[in-house]
Amino acid sequence: MNPLYLFQDLFSRAIRQKFVLVILFLLCLCSTVCGIVFIKTPAFFDYHLKICDRFLDRVCYSDRSVVAICFERTGGCALFLLLLAAGGLHPAALVLPACAVVFRAYNFGGTLAILFSVYGFSGAIVAFVIFLPIHLLLDALFFAAASLSFSRAFCFRFCVSDFKELLVDLLLLLALGFLVCVLEAILLGVLFHPLGNFI
């Protein structure tokens, strides 16, 4: 079977759930704004500052190989996709993708606020060059995964064919997530890491 057809079919099924995508986008937008607004609270400020420090130290300016970072980030992407896919097993489990999207968007807003307010110009460069584009690309995949879960949850039967369809969708999304992480690794290697850190 043509792999391009599989990807096309996956995204066409995800886009059919327009109402779900709109609701998820609004939740994401509200959570991002909340993450930016609540950054002034000391407890939330410290929480997001730790996230930013970890991202800058372990990803952007790390001495580790970008290949190792790529596989580590792919593993995180895979865990998030598994959580989103679990929402498609039963309508009661749909709270998982909704909460995951809200939590990720909230952290996104807080992290952006920290990058601009604390790290200034260098933080803005990191935000625009690597953090923002990679985050939005992964969000597109996560939105697709959440949309598929919402469409699957009300008709999922615990049979081989349904599990096979779920597994195929998960593998396709994971493959795209891996490509995004490869892009991130290339950007890290070219812009932030010394050449010796590629391997």
N, C-alpha and C. Protein backbone atom coordinates (compact mmCIF):
# COMPACT_ATOMS: atom_id res chain seq x y z
N MET A 1 0.85 -1.20 0.00
CA MET A 1 0.00 0.00 0.00
C MET A 1 0.88 1.25 0.00
N ASN A 2 0.43 2.27 -0.71
CA ASN A 2 1.18 3.51 -0.82
C ASN A 2 1.22 4.22 0.54
N PRO A 3 2.44 4.47 1.10
CA PRO A 3 2.53 5.16 2.40
C PRO A 3 1.90 6.54 2.38
N LEU A 4 2.01 7.23 1.25
CA LEU A 4 1.42 8.57 1.16
C LEU A 4 -0.10 8.51 1.33
N TYR A 5 -0.69 7.44 0.81
CA TYR A 5 -2.14 7.28 0.97
C TYR A 5 -2.51 7.10 2.44
N LEU A 6 -1.67 6.35 3.17
CA LEU A 6 -1.94 6.14 4.59
C LEU A 6 -1.93 7.46 5.37
N PHE A 7 -0.93 8.29 5.07
CA PHE A 7 -0.86 9.59 5.75
C PHE A 7 -2.02 10.49 5.34
N GLN A 8 -2.35 10.46 4.05
CA GLN A 8 -3.47 11.27 3.56
C GLN A 8 -4.78 10.84 4.20
N ASP A 9 -4.98 9.52 4.32
CA ASP A 9 -6.19 9.01 4.94
C ASP A 9 -6.26 9.39 6.42
N LEU A 10 -5.12 9.31 7.09
CA LEU A 10 -5.08 9.65 8.52
C LEU A 10 -5.51 11.10 8.75
N PHE A 11 -4.92 12.02 7.99
CA PHE A 11 -5.24 13.44 8.22
C PHE A 11 -6.64 13.80 7.70
N SER A 12 -7.11 13.11 6.67
CA SER A 12 -8.47 13.38 6.21
C SER A 12 -9.48 12.96 7.26
N ARG A 13 -9.23 11.84 7.96
CA ARG A 13 -10.12 11.41 9.04
C ARG A 13 -10.04 12.35 10.23
N ALA A 14 -8.84 12.88 10.49
CA ALA A 14 -8.68 13.81 11.61
C ALA A 14 -9.38 15.14 11.33
N ILE A 15 -9.30 15.62 10.10
CA ILE A 15 -9.87 16.91 9.74
C ILE A 15 -11.39 16.86 9.70
N ARG A 16 -11.95 15.65 9.51
CA ARG A 16 -13.41 15.53 9.49
C ARG A 16 -14.04 15.97 10.81
N GLN A 17 -13.30 15.83 11.89
CA GLN A 17 -13.81 16.21 13.21
C GLN A 17 -13.59 17.71 13.45
N LYS A 18 -14.22 18.53 12.61
CA LYS A 18 -13.98 19.97 12.67
C LYS A 18 -14.39 20.57 14.02
N PHE A 19 -15.54 20.13 14.54
CA PHE A 19 -16.01 20.66 15.81
C PHE A 19 -15.02 20.35 16.93
N VAL A 20 -14.49 19.12 16.94
CA VAL A 20 -13.52 18.72 17.95
C VAL A 20 -12.26 19.56 17.83
N LEU A 21 -11.79 19.78 16.61
CA LEU A 21 -10.58 20.57 16.40
C LEU A 21 -10.77 22.01 16.85
N VAL A 22 -11.95 22.58 16.59
CA VAL A 22 -12.22 23.95 17.03
C VAL A 22 -12.22 24.04 18.55
N ILE A 23 -12.88 23.08 19.21
CA ILE A 23 -12.92 23.07 20.68
C ILE A 23 -11.51 22.90 21.24
N LEU A 24 -10.73 22.00 20.67
CA LEU A 24 -9.36 21.79 21.14
C LEU A 24 -8.52 23.04 20.94
N PHE A 25 -8.72 23.71 19.81
CA PHE A 25 -7.97 24.94 19.55
C PHE A 25 -8.33 26.02 20.57
N LEU A 26 -9.62 26.16 20.88
CA LEU A 26 -10.04 27.17 21.86
C LEU A 26 -9.50 26.83 23.24
N LEU A 27 -9.54 25.55 23.61
CA LEU A 27 -8.95 25.13 24.89
C LEU A 27 -7.46 25.44 24.93
N CYS A 28 -6.80 25.16 23.82
CA CYS A 28 -5.37 25.39 23.72
C CYS A 28 -5.06 26.89 23.84
N LEU A 29 -5.84 27.71 23.15
CA LEU A 29 -5.63 29.15 23.18
C LEU A 29 -5.85 29.70 24.59
N CYS A 30 -6.94 29.31 25.23
CA CYS A 30 -7.23 29.78 26.60
C CYS A 30 -6.16 29.33 27.57
N SER A 31 -5.69 28.10 27.44
CA SER A 31 -4.66 27.59 28.34
C SER A 31 -3.34 28.30 28.13
N THR A 32 -3.02 28.62 26.88
CA THR A 32 -1.79 29.36 26.59
C THR A 32 -1.83 30.74 27.22
N VAL A 33 -2.97 31.42 27.08
CA VAL A 33 -3.13 32.74 27.69
C VAL A 33 -3.03 32.65 29.20
N CYS A 34 -3.63 31.62 29.80
CA CYS A 34 -3.54 31.43 31.25
C CYS A 34 -2.10 31.20 31.67
N GLY A 35 -1.36 30.45 30.87
CA GLY A 35 0.04 30.20 31.18
C GLY A 35 0.86 31.49 31.18
N ILE A 36 0.52 32.40 30.26
CA ILE A 36 1.22 33.69 30.19
C ILE A 36 0.81 34.60 31.35
N VAL A 37 -0.49 34.63 31.64
CA VAL A 37 -1.02 35.53 32.68
C VAL A 37 -0.55 35.10 34.07
N PHE A 38 -0.64 33.80 34.37
CA PHE A 38 -0.33 33.31 35.71
C PHE A 38 1.17 33.25 35.99
N ILE A 39 1.98 33.60 34.99
CA ILE A 39 3.43 33.54 35.19
C ILE A 39 3.88 34.53 36.26
N LYS A 40 3.03 35.52 36.54
CA LYS A 40 3.40 36.52 37.56
C LYS A 40 3.29 35.96 38.98
N THR A 41 2.57 34.86 39.14
CA THR A 41 2.47 34.21 40.45
C THR A 41 3.78 33.49 40.76
N PRO A 42 4.37 33.74 41.94
CA PRO A 42 5.69 33.16 42.24
C PRO A 42 5.79 31.65 42.04
N ALA A 43 4.78 30.90 42.50
CA ALA A 43 4.85 29.44 42.37
C ALA A 43 4.88 29.01 40.91
N PHE A 44 4.03 29.62 40.09
CA PHE A 44 4.00 29.28 38.66
C PHE A 44 5.26 29.77 37.96
N PHE A 45 5.78 30.92 38.40
CA PHE A 45 7.01 31.45 37.81
C PHE A 45 8.16 30.47 38.01
N ASP A 46 8.32 29.98 39.23
CA ASP A 46 9.41 29.04 39.52
C ASP A 46 9.23 27.74 38.73
N TYR A 47 7.99 27.30 38.61
CA TYR A 47 7.71 26.05 37.87
C TYR A 47 8.13 26.19 36.40
N HIS A 48 7.72 27.28 35.76
CA HIS A 48 8.04 27.47 34.34
C HIS A 48 9.51 27.83 34.14
N LEU A 49 10.11 28.50 35.12
CA LEU A 49 11.53 28.81 35.02
C LEU A 49 12.36 27.52 35.00
N LYS A 50 11.94 26.53 35.80
CA LYS A 50 12.64 25.25 35.81
C LYS A 50 12.49 24.53 34.46
N ILE A 51 11.28 24.64 33.87
CA ILE A 51 11.07 24.02 32.55
C ILE A 51 11.99 24.66 31.51
N CYS A 52 12.07 25.99 31.53
CA CYS A 52 12.92 26.70 30.57
C CYS A 52 14.39 26.37 30.78
N ASP A 53 14.83 26.38 32.04
CA ASP A 53 16.22 26.05 32.34
C ASP A 53 16.57 24.65 31.85
N ARG A 54 15.65 23.71 32.07
CA ARG A 54 15.90 22.33 31.63
C ARG A 54 15.96 22.25 30.10
N PHE A 55 15.07 22.99 29.43
CA PHE A 55 15.08 22.97 27.97
C PHE A 55 16.37 23.58 27.42
N LEU A 56 16.80 24.68 27.99
CA LEU A 56 18.02 25.34 27.52
C LEU A 56 19.27 24.53 27.85
N ASP A 57 19.31 23.96 29.06
CA ASP A 57 20.50 23.22 29.49
C ASP A 57 20.61 21.84 28.86
N ARG A 58 19.46 21.14 28.74
CA ARG A 58 19.50 19.75 28.28
C ARG A 58 19.29 19.61 26.77
N VAL A 59 18.75 20.65 26.13
CA VAL A 59 18.47 20.56 24.70
C VAL A 59 19.29 21.56 23.90
N CYS A 60 19.09 22.84 24.17
CA CYS A 60 19.70 23.87 23.31
C CYS A 60 21.21 23.98 23.49
N TYR A 61 21.66 24.06 24.72
CA TYR A 61 23.08 24.30 24.98
C TYR A 61 23.75 23.13 25.68
N SER A 62 23.26 21.96 25.42
CA SER A 62 23.80 20.75 26.05
C SER A 62 25.08 20.29 25.34
N ASP A 63 25.92 19.59 26.09
CA ASP A 63 27.12 18.98 25.50
C ASP A 63 26.82 17.61 24.92
N ARG A 64 25.60 17.15 25.07
CA ARG A 64 25.25 15.82 24.58
C ARG A 64 25.09 15.82 23.07
N SER A 65 25.14 14.64 22.49
CA SER A 65 24.94 14.46 21.06
C SER A 65 23.51 14.83 20.67
N VAL A 66 23.36 15.49 19.52
CA VAL A 66 22.02 15.83 19.05
C VAL A 66 21.24 14.58 18.66
N VAL A 67 21.95 13.50 18.31
CA VAL A 67 21.27 12.23 18.01
C VAL A 67 20.61 11.68 19.27
N ALA A 68 21.34 11.73 20.39
CA ALA A 68 20.77 11.28 21.67
C ALA A 68 19.57 12.14 22.06
N ILE A 69 19.69 13.45 21.85
CA ILE A 69 18.59 14.36 22.16
C ILE A 69 17.39 14.05 21.28
N CYS A 70 17.64 13.75 20.01
CA CYS A 70 16.57 13.44 19.07
C CYS A 70 15.78 12.22 19.54
N PHE A 71 16.48 11.15 19.93
CA PHE A 71 15.78 9.94 20.37
C PHE A 71 15.07 10.16 21.71
N GLU A 72 15.67 10.98 22.56
CA GLU A 72 15.03 11.29 23.84
C GLU A 72 13.74 12.06 23.61
N ARG A 73 13.79 13.03 22.72
CA ARG A 73 12.60 13.83 22.42
C ARG A 73 11.54 12.98 21.70
N THR A 74 11.99 12.06 20.85
CA THR A 74 11.05 11.16 20.18
C THR A 74 10.34 10.27 21.19
N GLY A 75 11.08 9.82 22.22
CA GLY A 75 10.47 9.02 23.28
C GLY A 75 9.39 9.79 24.02
N GLY A 76 9.66 11.08 24.30
CA GLY A 76 8.65 11.91 24.95
C GLY A 76 7.43 12.10 24.07
N CYS A 77 7.66 12.28 22.78
CA CYS A 77 6.57 12.42 21.81
C CYS A 77 5.74 11.13 21.77
N ALA A 78 6.41 9.98 21.81
CA ALA A 78 5.72 8.70 21.76
C ALA A 78 4.83 8.51 22.99
N LEU A 79 5.32 8.88 24.16
CA LEU A 79 4.51 8.75 25.38
C LEU A 79 3.28 9.64 25.31
N PHE A 80 3.45 10.86 24.77
CA PHE A 80 2.31 11.77 24.66
C PHE A 80 1.29 11.23 23.66
N LEU A 81 1.76 10.66 22.55
CA LEU A 81 0.86 10.08 21.56
C LEU A 81 0.11 8.87 22.14
N LEU A 82 0.79 8.07 22.96
CA LEU A 82 0.12 6.93 23.61
C LEU A 82 -0.99 7.41 24.53
N LEU A 83 -0.73 8.49 25.25
CA LEU A 83 -1.76 9.05 26.14
C LEU A 83 -2.96 9.53 25.34
N LEU A 84 -2.69 10.20 24.22
CA LEU A 84 -3.78 10.69 23.37
C LEU A 84 -4.55 9.53 22.74
N ALA A 85 -3.83 8.50 22.32
CA ALA A 85 -4.47 7.35 21.68
C ALA A 85 -5.33 6.58 22.68
N ALA A 86 -4.94 6.58 23.95
CA ALA A 86 -5.71 5.88 24.98
C ALA A 86 -7.11 6.47 25.12
N GLY A 87 -7.26 7.75 24.77
CA GLY A 87 -8.58 8.37 24.83
C GLY A 87 -9.57 7.78 23.85
N GLY A 88 -9.07 7.10 22.83
CA GLY A 88 -9.96 6.52 21.83
C GLY A 88 -10.50 5.16 22.20
N LEU A 89 -10.12 4.63 23.36
CA LEU A 89 -10.57 3.30 23.75
C LEU A 89 -11.98 3.30 24.34
N HIS A 90 -12.39 4.45 24.91
CA HIS A 90 -13.71 4.51 25.54
C HIS A 90 -14.09 5.99 25.70
N PRO A 91 -15.38 6.34 25.58
CA PRO A 91 -15.77 7.76 25.74
C PRO A 91 -15.33 8.37 27.06
N ALA A 92 -15.31 7.57 28.13
CA ALA A 92 -14.90 8.09 29.44
C ALA A 92 -13.42 8.46 29.45
N ALA A 93 -12.64 7.85 28.56
CA ALA A 93 -11.20 8.13 28.50
C ALA A 93 -10.88 9.39 27.70
N LEU A 94 -11.88 10.02 27.11
CA LEU A 94 -11.63 11.22 26.30
C LEU A 94 -11.13 12.39 27.15
N VAL A 95 -11.29 12.27 28.45
CA VAL A 95 -10.74 13.31 29.33
C VAL A 95 -9.22 13.35 29.22
N LEU A 96 -8.59 12.25 28.86
CA LEU A 96 -7.13 12.19 28.75
C LEU A 96 -6.58 13.12 27.67
N PRO A 97 -7.05 13.02 26.40
CA PRO A 97 -6.54 13.96 25.40
C PRO A 97 -6.88 15.41 25.69
N ALA A 98 -8.08 15.66 26.26
CA ALA A 98 -8.45 17.04 26.57
C ALA A 98 -7.52 17.63 27.62
N CYS A 99 -7.28 16.88 28.69
CA CYS A 99 -6.39 17.35 29.76
C CYS A 99 -4.95 17.48 29.26
N ALA A 100 -4.52 16.55 28.41
CA ALA A 100 -3.16 16.60 27.88
C ALA A 100 -2.94 17.85 27.04
N VAL A 101 -3.92 18.18 26.19
CA VAL A 101 -3.81 19.37 25.35
C VAL A 101 -3.79 20.63 26.21
N VAL A 102 -4.65 20.70 27.23
CA VAL A 102 -4.71 21.86 28.11
C VAL A 102 -3.39 22.03 28.87
N PHE A 103 -2.88 20.94 29.41
CA PHE A 103 -1.64 20.99 30.18
C PHE A 103 -0.46 21.43 29.30
N ARG A 104 -0.38 20.88 28.09
CA ARG A 104 0.72 21.23 27.18
C ARG A 104 0.63 22.69 26.77
N ALA A 105 -0.58 23.17 26.49
CA ALA A 105 -0.75 24.56 26.08
C ALA A 105 -0.43 25.52 27.22
N TYR A 106 -0.80 25.13 28.45
CA TYR A 106 -0.49 25.97 29.60
C TYR A 106 1.02 26.10 29.79
N ASN A 107 1.74 24.98 29.68
CA ASN A 107 3.19 25.02 29.78
C ASN A 107 3.82 25.82 28.65
N PHE A 108 3.21 25.73 27.47
CA PHE A 108 3.69 26.47 26.31
C PHE A 108 3.63 27.98 26.58
N GLY A 109 2.49 28.44 27.09
CA GLY A 109 2.33 29.87 27.38
C GLY A 109 3.30 30.35 28.43
N GLY A 110 3.44 29.58 29.50
CA GLY A 110 4.37 29.97 30.56
C GLY A 110 5.82 29.97 30.09
N THR A 111 6.19 28.97 29.28
CA THR A 111 7.55 28.89 28.78
C THR A 111 7.87 30.06 27.86
N LEU A 112 6.94 30.41 26.99
CA LEU A 112 7.14 31.56 26.11
C LEU A 112 7.34 32.83 26.92
N ALA A 113 6.52 33.01 27.95
CA ALA A 113 6.63 34.21 28.79
C ALA A 113 8.00 34.28 29.45
N ILE A 114 8.49 33.15 29.94
CA ILE A 114 9.80 33.13 30.59
C ILE A 114 10.91 33.42 29.59
N LEU A 115 10.84 32.80 28.42
CA LEU A 115 11.88 33.00 27.42
C LEU A 115 12.03 34.48 27.05
N PHE A 116 10.90 35.18 26.94
CA PHE A 116 10.95 36.58 26.56
C PHE A 116 11.26 37.50 27.74
N SER A 117 10.68 37.21 28.90
CA SER A 117 10.82 38.15 30.03
C SER A 117 12.11 37.96 30.80
N VAL A 118 12.59 36.73 30.92
CA VAL A 118 13.79 36.46 31.71
C VAL A 118 15.05 36.43 30.86
N TYR A 119 14.98 35.76 29.71
CA TYR A 119 16.18 35.57 28.90
C TYR A 119 16.36 36.64 27.82
N GLY A 120 15.37 37.48 27.66
CA GLY A 120 15.51 38.63 26.76
C GLY A 120 15.75 38.25 25.31
N PHE A 121 16.75 38.87 24.70
CA PHE A 121 17.01 38.69 23.27
C PHE A 121 17.42 37.26 22.95
N SER A 122 18.28 36.66 23.78
CA SER A 122 18.70 35.27 23.52
C SER A 122 17.52 34.31 23.65
N GLY A 123 16.62 34.60 24.60
CA GLY A 123 15.42 33.78 24.74
C GLY A 123 14.49 33.92 23.55
N ALA A 124 14.39 35.14 23.02
CA ALA A 124 13.55 35.37 21.84
C ALA A 124 14.08 34.59 20.63
N ILE A 125 15.41 34.55 20.50
CA ILE A 125 16.01 33.80 19.39
C ILE A 125 15.67 32.32 19.51
N VAL A 126 15.85 31.77 20.72
CA VAL A 126 15.51 30.36 20.95
C VAL A 126 14.04 30.11 20.66
N ALA A 127 13.18 31.04 21.11
CA ALA A 127 11.74 30.87 20.92
C ALA A 127 11.37 30.83 19.45
N PHE A 128 11.87 31.79 18.67
CA PHE A 128 11.47 31.90 17.27
C PHE A 128 12.16 30.88 16.36
N VAL A 129 13.40 30.53 16.69
CA VAL A 129 14.17 29.67 15.79
C VAL A 129 13.85 28.20 16.01
N ILE A 130 13.68 27.79 17.27
CA ILE A 130 13.51 26.35 17.50
C ILE A 130 12.30 25.99 18.35
N PHE A 131 12.05 26.71 19.45
CA PHE A 131 10.99 26.30 20.36
C PHE A 131 9.62 26.42 19.71
N LEU A 132 9.31 27.57 19.17
CA LEU A 132 7.98 27.83 18.60
C LEU A 132 7.67 26.94 17.40
N PRO A 133 8.54 26.89 16.37
CA PRO A 133 8.19 26.05 15.20
C PRO A 133 8.07 24.57 15.51
N ILE A 134 8.98 24.04 16.33
CA ILE A 134 8.92 22.61 16.67
C ILE A 134 7.69 22.31 17.51
N HIS A 135 7.39 23.20 18.44
CA HIS A 135 6.22 23.01 19.30
C HIS A 135 4.94 23.01 18.47
N LEU A 136 4.82 23.93 17.52
CA LEU A 136 3.61 24.01 16.70
C LEU A 136 3.47 22.80 15.77
N LEU A 137 4.59 22.32 15.24
CA LEU A 137 4.54 21.12 14.39
C LEU A 137 4.07 19.91 15.20
N LEU A 138 4.61 19.75 16.40
CA LEU A 138 4.16 18.65 17.25
C LEU A 138 2.72 18.83 17.67
N ASP A 139 2.31 20.07 17.93
CA ASP A 139 0.91 20.32 18.29
C ASP A 139 -0.03 19.89 17.18
N ALA A 140 0.37 20.11 15.92
CA ALA A 140 -0.46 19.68 14.80
C ALA A 140 -0.66 18.16 14.83
N LEU A 141 0.41 17.42 15.14
CA LEU A 141 0.30 15.97 15.25
C LEU A 141 -0.58 15.57 16.43
N PHE A 142 -0.40 16.26 17.55
CA PHE A 142 -1.18 15.93 18.74
C PHE A 142 -2.66 16.26 18.56
N PHE A 143 -2.94 17.34 17.84
CA PHE A 143 -4.33 17.66 17.53
C PHE A 143 -4.95 16.58 16.66
N ALA A 144 -4.18 16.11 15.68
CA ALA A 144 -4.67 15.02 14.81
C ALA A 144 -4.92 13.77 15.63
N ALA A 145 -4.00 13.44 16.54
CA ALA A 145 -4.17 12.25 17.39
C ALA A 145 -5.39 12.39 18.28
N ALA A 146 -5.59 13.57 18.86
CA ALA A 146 -6.75 13.79 19.73
C ALA A 146 -8.05 13.71 18.93
N SER A 147 -8.05 14.28 17.74
CA SER A 147 -9.23 14.24 16.89
C SER A 147 -9.60 12.80 16.52
N LEU A 148 -8.60 12.00 16.20
CA LEU A 148 -8.85 10.59 15.87
C LEU A 148 -9.40 9.84 17.08
N SER A 149 -8.91 10.17 18.27
CA SER A 149 -9.40 9.52 19.48
C SER A 149 -10.87 9.85 19.73
N PHE A 150 -11.24 11.12 19.50
CA PHE A 150 -12.63 11.52 19.70
C PHE A 150 -13.55 10.81 18.70
N SER A 151 -13.07 10.62 17.48
CA SER A 151 -13.91 9.94 16.48
C SER A 151 -13.97 8.44 16.73
N ARG A 152 -12.94 7.88 17.37
CA ARG A 152 -12.88 6.44 17.57
C ARG A 152 -13.58 5.98 18.85
N ALA A 153 -13.61 6.84 19.87
CA ALA A 153 -14.04 6.42 21.21
C ALA A 153 -15.47 5.89 21.25
N PHE A 154 -16.36 6.45 20.44
CA PHE A 154 -17.77 6.08 20.53
C PHE A 154 -18.12 4.85 19.70
N CYS A 155 -17.17 4.37 18.91
CA CYS A 155 -17.46 3.19 18.10
C CYS A 155 -16.37 2.13 18.23
N PHE A 156 -15.45 2.32 19.19
CA PHE A 156 -14.35 1.37 19.33
C PHE A 156 -14.84 0.05 19.92
N ARG A 157 -14.48 -1.03 19.28
CA ARG A 157 -14.77 -2.37 19.77
C ARG A 157 -13.44 -3.06 20.08
N PHE A 158 -13.39 -3.77 21.14
CA PHE A 158 -12.14 -4.41 21.53
C PHE A 158 -11.93 -5.68 20.71
N CYS A 159 -11.65 -5.43 19.42
CA CYS A 159 -11.42 -6.54 18.49
C CYS A 159 -10.14 -6.27 17.72
N VAL A 160 -9.68 -7.28 16.97
CA VAL A 160 -8.39 -7.20 16.29
C VAL A 160 -8.38 -6.07 15.27
N SER A 161 -9.45 -5.91 14.50
CA SER A 161 -9.45 -4.89 13.43
C SER A 161 -9.35 -3.48 14.00
N ASP A 162 -10.06 -3.22 15.09
CA ASP A 162 -10.01 -1.88 15.68
C ASP A 162 -8.65 -1.60 16.32
N PHE A 163 -8.08 -2.60 16.98
CA PHE A 163 -6.75 -2.42 17.56
C PHE A 163 -5.70 -2.23 16.46
N LYS A 164 -5.88 -2.93 15.34
CA LYS A 164 -4.95 -2.79 14.23
C LYS A 164 -5.01 -1.38 13.65
N GLU A 165 -6.22 -0.84 13.49
CA GLU A 165 -6.37 0.52 12.98
C GLU A 165 -5.75 1.53 13.94
N LEU A 166 -5.96 1.32 15.24
CA LEU A 166 -5.39 2.19 16.25
C LEU A 166 -3.86 2.15 16.20
N LEU A 167 -3.29 0.96 16.06
CA LEU A 167 -1.85 0.80 16.02
C LEU A 167 -1.25 1.45 14.78
N VAL A 168 -1.92 1.28 13.63
CA VAL A 168 -1.43 1.89 12.39
C VAL A 168 -1.41 3.41 12.51
N ASP A 169 -2.50 3.98 13.03
CA ASP A 169 -2.55 5.43 13.22
C ASP A 169 -1.44 5.90 14.15
N LEU A 170 -1.23 5.16 15.22
CA LEU A 170 -0.21 5.52 16.20
C LEU A 170 1.18 5.47 15.58
N LEU A 171 1.46 4.46 14.79
CA LEU A 171 2.77 4.33 14.15
C LEU A 171 3.00 5.44 13.12
N LEU A 172 1.96 5.79 12.37
CA LEU A 172 2.09 6.88 11.39
C LEU A 172 2.37 8.21 12.09
N LEU A 173 1.65 8.48 13.17
CA LEU A 173 1.87 9.73 13.91
C LEU A 173 3.25 9.74 14.56
N LEU A 174 3.68 8.58 15.05
CA LEU A 174 5.00 8.50 15.66
C LEU A 174 6.10 8.72 14.62
N ALA A 175 5.90 8.21 13.40
CA ALA A 175 6.87 8.43 12.33
C ALA A 175 6.99 9.92 12.02
N LEU A 176 5.86 10.61 11.97
CA LEU A 176 5.89 12.06 11.72
C LEU A 176 6.52 12.79 12.90
N GLY A 177 6.23 12.33 14.11
CA GLY A 177 6.86 12.94 15.29
C GLY A 177 8.36 12.77 15.26
N PHE A 178 8.82 11.60 14.82
CA PHE A 178 10.26 11.35 14.70
C PHE A 178 10.89 12.31 13.68
N LEU A 179 10.21 12.56 12.57
CA LEU A 179 10.73 13.50 11.57
C LEU A 179 10.83 14.91 12.14
N VAL A 180 9.85 15.30 12.94
CA VAL A 180 9.91 16.62 13.57
C VAL A 180 11.09 16.69 14.53
N CYS A 181 11.32 15.63 15.28
CA CYS A 181 12.46 15.60 16.21
C CYS A 181 13.79 15.59 15.45
N VAL A 182 13.83 14.96 14.28
CA VAL A 182 15.03 15.01 13.43
C VAL A 182 15.27 16.44 12.96
N LEU A 183 14.21 17.13 12.55
CA LEU A 183 14.33 18.54 12.17
C LEU A 183 14.87 19.37 13.32
N GLU A 184 14.35 19.12 14.51
CA GLU A 184 14.84 19.84 15.69
C GLU A 184 16.32 19.56 15.92
N ALA A 185 16.72 18.30 15.76
CA ALA A 185 18.13 17.93 15.96
C ALA A 185 19.02 18.63 14.94
N ILE A 186 18.55 18.75 13.70
CA ILE A 186 19.33 19.44 12.67
C ILE A 186 19.49 20.91 13.03
N LEU A 187 18.40 21.53 13.46
CA LEU A 187 18.47 22.94 13.87
C LEU A 187 19.41 23.12 15.05
N LEU A 188 19.34 22.19 16.01
CA LEU A 188 20.23 22.27 17.16
C LEU A 188 21.69 22.13 16.73
N GLY A 189 21.94 21.17 15.85
CA GLY A 189 23.31 20.94 15.40
C GLY A 189 23.88 22.08 14.61
N VAL A 190 23.05 22.73 13.82
CA VAL A 190 23.52 23.83 12.96
C VAL A 190 23.64 25.13 13.73
N LEU A 191 22.70 25.40 14.62
CA LEU A 191 22.60 26.73 15.23
C LEU A 191 23.11 26.82 16.66
N PHE A 192 23.02 25.73 17.43
CA PHE A 192 23.31 25.83 18.85
C PHE A 192 24.46 24.95 19.33
N HIS A 193 24.65 23.80 18.71
CA HIS A 193 25.66 22.86 19.18
C HIS A 193 26.92 22.95 18.34
N PRO A 194 28.09 22.70 18.95
CA PRO A 194 29.30 22.57 18.14
C PRO A 194 29.21 21.34 17.26
N LEU A 195 29.94 21.35 16.15
CA LEU A 195 29.86 20.26 15.17
C LEU A 195 30.19 18.90 15.79
N GLY A 196 31.04 18.88 16.79
CA GLY A 196 31.43 17.62 17.42
C GLY A 196 30.31 16.95 18.18
N ASN A 197 29.20 17.65 18.40
CA ASN A 197 28.11 17.08 19.19
C ASN A 197 27.04 16.40 18.34
N PHE A 198 27.32 16.19 17.07
CA PHE A 198 26.33 15.51 16.24
C PHE A 198 26.22 14.04 16.63
N ILE A 199 27.31 13.44 17.05
CA ILE A 199 27.28 12.04 17.44
C ILE A 199 27.94 11.86 18.80
